[in-house]
Protein backbone atom coordinates (compact mmCIF):
# COMPACT_ATOMS: atom_id res chain seq x y z
CA MET A 1 -35.21 219.50 76.83
CA ALA A 2 -37.89 221.59 78.49
CA LYS A 3 -37.87 225.37 78.96
CA LEU A 4 -39.68 227.93 81.11
CA GLU A 5 -39.31 231.70 80.75
CA THR A 6 -41.02 234.30 82.92
CA ILE A 7 -40.63 237.72 84.54
CA LEU A 8 -40.28 237.92 88.32
CA GLN A 9 -40.72 240.85 90.70
CA GLY A 10 -38.94 241.48 93.97
CA SER A 11 -35.45 240.92 95.29
CA LEU A 12 -33.01 238.99 93.13
CA ASP A 13 -31.15 237.81 96.22
CA GLN A 14 -34.39 236.50 97.73
CA TRP A 15 -35.31 234.68 94.53
CA ILE A 16 -31.90 232.99 94.38
CA GLU A 17 -32.25 231.84 98.01
CA GLU A 18 -35.76 230.49 97.44
CA ILE A 19 -34.83 228.74 94.21
CA GLU A 20 -31.73 227.10 95.69
CA ALA A 21 -33.60 225.96 98.80
CA GLY A 22 -36.64 224.79 96.85
CA VAL A 23 -34.69 222.73 94.33
CA LEU A 24 -32.38 221.17 96.92
CA GLN A 25 -35.23 220.34 99.29
CA GLY A 26 -37.38 219.01 96.44
CA SER A 27 -35.32 215.87 95.85
CA VAL A 28 -32.97 213.83 98.01
CA SER A 29 -30.60 213.46 95.05
CA ALA A 30 -30.62 217.15 94.01
CA SER A 31 -27.35 219.05 94.08
CA LEU A 32 -26.16 222.53 93.19
CA GLU A 33 -23.39 221.83 90.69
CA ASP A 34 -22.16 225.39 90.21
CA GLY A 35 -23.17 229.01 89.84
CA SER A 36 -21.99 232.42 88.68
CA ASP A 37 -23.00 235.93 89.62
CA PHE A 38 -22.29 239.08 87.63
CA ARG A 39 -23.02 242.72 88.43
CA SER A 40 -22.64 245.97 86.51
CA ALA A 41 -20.39 248.64 87.99
CA ASP A 42 -23.36 250.55 89.40
CA GLY A 43 -25.02 247.35 90.68
CA ARG A 44 -28.31 247.92 88.86
CA ILE A 45 -27.85 245.17 86.29
CA ARG A 46 -27.21 241.64 87.57
CA CYS A 47 -27.11 238.12 86.22
CA CYS A 48 -27.14 234.94 88.31
CA VAL A 49 -26.72 231.45 86.84
CA ARG A 50 -27.28 228.20 88.75
CA VAL A 51 -26.88 224.63 87.51
CA PHE A 52 -28.66 221.89 89.44
CA GLU A 53 -28.65 218.14 88.92
CA ARG A 54 -30.77 215.30 90.26
CA TYR A 55 -31.44 211.64 89.65
CA SER A 56 -34.61 210.87 87.71
CA MET A 57 -36.30 207.66 88.80
CA MET A 58 -38.55 207.79 85.72
CA GLY A 59 -35.67 208.01 83.28
CA ARG A 60 -33.14 206.13 85.41
CA ASN A 61 -30.54 208.81 84.74
CA ARG A 62 -29.43 212.24 85.92
CA VAL A 63 -31.06 215.42 84.65
CA SER A 64 -29.83 218.97 84.91
CA LEU A 65 -31.60 222.29 85.36
CA ASN A 66 -29.92 225.52 84.30
CA VAL A 67 -31.50 228.63 85.86
CA THR A 68 -30.57 232.13 84.71
CA LEU A 69 -31.93 235.23 86.44
CA PHE A 70 -31.18 238.58 84.79
CA GLN A 71 -32.15 241.79 86.56
CA ASP A 72 -32.38 244.74 84.16
CA ALA A 73 -31.84 248.42 84.98
CA ASP A 74 -35.56 248.82 85.74
CA GLY A 75 -35.42 246.07 88.39
CA LEU A 76 -37.38 243.44 86.44
CA ILE A 77 -36.00 239.93 86.81
CA HIS A 78 -36.01 237.83 83.65
CA CYS A 79 -35.96 234.12 84.45
CA SER A 80 -34.99 231.32 82.07
CA ALA A 81 -34.94 227.70 83.24
CA ILE A 82 -33.90 224.88 80.93
CA SER A 83 -33.79 221.22 81.92
CA SER A 84 -31.87 218.61 79.93
CA GLY A 85 -30.17 215.25 80.06
CA GLY A 86 -33.18 213.06 80.64
CA SER A 87 -33.41 211.23 77.35
CA GLN A 88 -32.10 207.73 76.77
CA GLY A 89 -31.84 207.58 72.98
CA ALA A 90 -28.50 207.67 71.19
CA PHE A 91 -29.86 209.56 68.17
CA TYR A 92 -33.41 210.52 69.17
CA LYS A 93 -34.82 211.96 72.37
CA LEU A 94 -36.71 209.21 74.15
CA ASN A 95 -38.33 209.44 77.58
CA THR A 96 -37.97 213.10 78.49
CA LEU A 97 -40.22 212.70 81.56
CA GLY A 98 -37.36 213.40 83.97
CA GLU A 99 -36.59 216.74 82.31
CA GLU A 100 -40.23 217.77 82.35
CA SER A 101 -40.64 216.72 85.97
CA PHE A 102 -37.59 218.75 87.07
CA LEU A 103 -38.96 221.83 85.30
CA ASP A 104 -42.45 221.25 86.77
CA ARG A 105 -40.91 221.22 90.26
CA PHE A 106 -39.11 224.49 89.48
CA GLN A 107 -42.36 226.09 88.34
CA GLU A 108 -43.99 225.09 91.65
CA ILE A 109 -41.18 226.91 93.51
CA LEU A 110 -41.85 230.09 91.52
CA GLU A 111 -45.61 229.86 92.11
CA LYS A 112 -45.23 229.42 95.88
CA SER A 113 -42.97 232.45 96.25
């Protein structure tokens, strides 16, 4: 498992669009598995969750990426991205390169935007 946490500025809707497009265009096997969006009654506080999956050639398995964006009342967007599923061991995590690669690709999307 690999994790990235950061604070983003700007429009939450724009970030979601850029993240979805970037992940899906970054790999021919990438898919958006599901997502959820929540909003406070006044619309100032929002939370968006996206779960992506792709095939990892390095690990010869599928890896997932869970992205959570939380916009607080001040407009700051808290981002947490966690990749998992790339290990091959039954009892120990072996070969987590696919997880790390998926998260590295996500970080590139954030840096370009």
